[in-house]
Amino acid sequence: MIDASLVSKINSRRVIVDACVSRDLANNLRNSGLVVRHVADINSALKDHEIAKMMHADEVLITRDYKFYRMLGEGRAILLAPGSNTVGRGAKLATRKDRHEVRRKNRLPSHIRIALRKKLAEEAKTGLLYMKILWGIMWLVLPVV
């Protein structure tokens, strides 16, 4: 089912759906009579600026990518709310509280953090940590022969 606010924002324009949005939404829009292209059908490796260049003048982009939405502006892009096919608020979606919550959820368990801290301290005392860092830098910088 398609959100009514999404259809009203499209306003009978042609639609290009970003790769980060499901093909199901594109198919539903297509079935409702709109002209729809999905980026993954064209080339999923396209960068945002390349997609913007290939858009028709009367085409609107549907995306979940806030930076891409801001780049095109409200007139040429529709921002979807994360994890759904409904229209987002248009404001920045990641508030400080949201970012803190994501960080909290992604934290390692305390016993693993403590073990890592001890291992890093031990390697720093013996010089092994600095050797690993040096080898990593050399591996990145020096050409392979």
Protein backbone atom coordinates (compact mmCIF):
# COMPACT_ATOMS: atom_id res chain seq x y z
CA MET A 1 0.00 0.00 0.00
CA ILE A 2 1.25 3.47 -0.88
CA ASP A 3 1.17 6.35 1.57
CA ALA A 4 -1.26 9.09 0.43
CA SER A 5 1.15 11.87 1.43
CA LEU A 6 3.83 10.30 -0.79
CA VAL A 7 1.50 10.27 -3.80
CA SER A 8 0.51 13.89 -3.17
CA LYS A 9 4.19 14.95 -2.99
CA ILE A 10 4.93 13.15 -6.27
CA ASN A 11 2.14 15.19 -7.89
CA SER A 12 1.98 13.13 -11.14
CA ARG A 13 5.68 13.69 -11.90
CA ARG A 14 8.02 10.98 -13.13
CA VAL A 15 9.82 9.19 -10.31
CA ILE A 16 13.33 7.87 -9.81
CA VAL A 17 13.79 5.68 -6.73
CA ASP A 18 17.19 5.66 -5.02
CA ALA A 19 19.02 2.36 -4.52
CA CYS A 20 18.53 2.58 -0.74
CA VAL A 21 14.75 2.30 -1.22
CA SER A 22 13.13 -1.08 -1.92
CA ARG A 23 12.03 -2.15 -5.35
CA ASP A 24 8.64 -3.00 -3.85
CA LEU A 25 7.88 0.69 -3.43
CA ALA A 26 8.94 1.34 -7.03
CA ASN A 27 6.72 -1.50 -8.26
CA ASN A 28 3.75 -0.26 -6.21
CA LEU A 29 4.16 3.25 -7.63
CA ARG A 30 4.48 1.81 -11.13
CA ASN A 31 1.28 -0.25 -10.60
CA SER A 32 -0.55 2.92 -9.55
CA GLY A 33 0.13 4.42 -13.00
CA LEU A 34 3.28 6.47 -12.44
CA VAL A 35 6.41 6.41 -14.61
CA VAL A 36 9.06 4.99 -12.26
CA ARG A 37 12.75 4.11 -12.61
CA HIS A 38 14.80 2.41 -9.88
CA VAL A 39 18.51 3.28 -9.64
CA ALA A 40 19.42 -0.39 -9.09
CA ASP A 41 17.89 -1.22 -12.49
CA ILE A 42 20.12 1.39 -14.13
CA ASN A 43 23.39 0.96 -12.20
CA SER A 44 23.53 0.51 -8.44
CA ALA A 45 27.10 1.87 -8.33
CA LEU A 46 26.05 5.37 -9.43
CA LYS A 47 27.08 8.20 -7.12
CA ASP A 48 24.60 10.81 -5.95
CA HIS A 49 25.87 13.51 -8.31
CA GLU A 50 25.65 11.11 -11.27
CA ILE A 51 22.04 10.30 -10.43
CA ALA A 52 21.27 14.01 -10.14
CA LYS A 53 22.78 14.63 -13.61
CA MET A 54 20.70 11.90 -15.26
CA MET A 55 17.40 13.00 -13.71
CA HIS A 56 14.83 14.52 -16.04
CA ALA A 57 13.65 18.07 -15.29
CA ASP A 58 10.17 16.86 -14.30
CA GLU A 59 11.43 13.89 -12.27
CA VAL A 60 11.41 13.58 -8.49
CA LEU A 61 13.79 11.41 -6.46
CA ILE A 62 12.57 9.23 -3.60
CA THR A 63 15.36 8.49 -1.11
CA ARG A 64 16.24 7.77 2.50
CA ASP A 65 19.64 9.48 2.14
CA TYR A 66 19.42 12.79 3.99
CA LYS A 67 22.53 14.28 2.33
CA PHE A 68 21.24 13.44 -1.14
CA TYR A 69 17.84 14.92 -0.23
CA ARG A 70 19.52 18.15 0.95
CA MET A 71 21.68 18.28 -2.19
CA LEU A 72 18.65 18.16 -4.51
CA GLY A 73 16.34 20.20 -2.33
CA GLU A 74 12.73 19.78 -1.33
CA GLY A 75 11.40 20.50 -4.82
CA ARG A 76 13.28 17.67 -6.55
CA ALA A 77 13.48 15.02 -3.81
CA ILE A 78 11.24 13.27 -1.30
CA LEU A 79 12.80 12.01 1.93
CA LEU A 80 11.36 8.81 3.34
CA ALA A 81 11.37 8.08 7.05
CA PRO A 82 13.92 5.42 8.06
CA GLY A 83 12.60 1.88 7.87
CA SER A 84 9.26 2.73 6.26
CA ASN A 85 7.73 3.91 3.03
CA THR A 86 6.18 7.01 4.55
CA VAL A 87 7.35 10.55 3.97
CA GLY A 88 9.90 11.85 6.47
CA ARG A 89 9.67 15.13 8.32
CA GLY A 90 12.22 16.85 6.09
CA ALA A 91 14.21 17.91 9.12
CA LYS A 92 17.40 16.27 10.23
CA LEU A 93 16.41 12.78 11.29
CA ALA A 94 19.33 11.92 13.55
CA THR A 95 19.06 14.01 16.68
CA ARG A 96 21.68 13.95 19.40
CA LYS A 97 19.47 11.68 21.49
CA ASP A 98 19.03 9.27 18.55
CA ARG A 99 22.78 9.10 17.92
CA HIS A 100 23.41 8.45 21.63
CA GLU A 101 20.84 5.63 21.57
CA VAL A 102 22.46 4.02 18.52
CA ARG A 103 25.90 4.23 20.14
CA ARG A 104 24.53 2.68 23.33
CA LYS A 105 22.96 -0.19 21.41
CA ASN A 106 26.16 -0.85 19.44
CA ARG A 107 28.46 -0.93 22.47
CA LEU A 108 30.44 -4.03 23.16
CA PRO A 109 29.60 -5.90 26.36
CA SER A 110 31.54 -4.63 29.36
CA HIS A 111 33.60 -7.80 29.85
CA ILE A 112 34.86 -7.56 26.25
CA ARG A 113 35.65 -3.85 26.60
CA ILE A 114 37.64 -4.56 29.79
CA ALA A 115 39.55 -7.42 28.13
CA LEU A 116 40.39 -5.21 25.13
CA ARG A 117 41.57 -2.40 27.38
CA LYS A 118 43.88 -4.80 29.27
CA LYS A 119 45.25 -6.31 26.05
CA LEU A 120 45.96 -2.86 24.54
CA ALA A 121 47.69 -1.73 27.74
CA GLU A 122 49.83 -4.89 27.75
CA GLU A 123 50.79 -4.44 24.09
CA ALA A 124 51.58 -0.76 24.68
CA LYS A 125 53.99 -1.68 27.52
CA THR A 126 55.85 -4.24 25.42
CA GLY A 127 55.97 -2.06 22.31
CA LEU A 128 54.01 -4.59 20.24
CA LEU A 129 51.12 -2.17 19.73
CA TYR A 130 53.40 0.46 18.21
CA MET A 131 55.01 -2.15 15.99
CA LYS A 132 51.57 -3.20 14.69
CA ILE A 133 50.67 0.42 14.00
CA LEU A 134 53.97 0.99 12.17
CA TRP A 135 53.49 -2.13 10.03
CA GLY A 136 49.95 -1.03 9.20
CA ILE A 137 51.14 2.40 8.07
CA MET A 138 53.99 0.89 6.04
CA TRP A 139 51.56 -1.55 4.40
CA LEU A 140 49.30 1.33 3.38
CA VAL A 141 52.03 3.68 2.17
CA LEU A 142 54.69 1.52 0.55
CA PRO A 143 54.00 0.13 -2.93
CA VAL A 144 53.87 -3.61 -3.39
CA VAL A 145 56.63 -4.84 -5.69
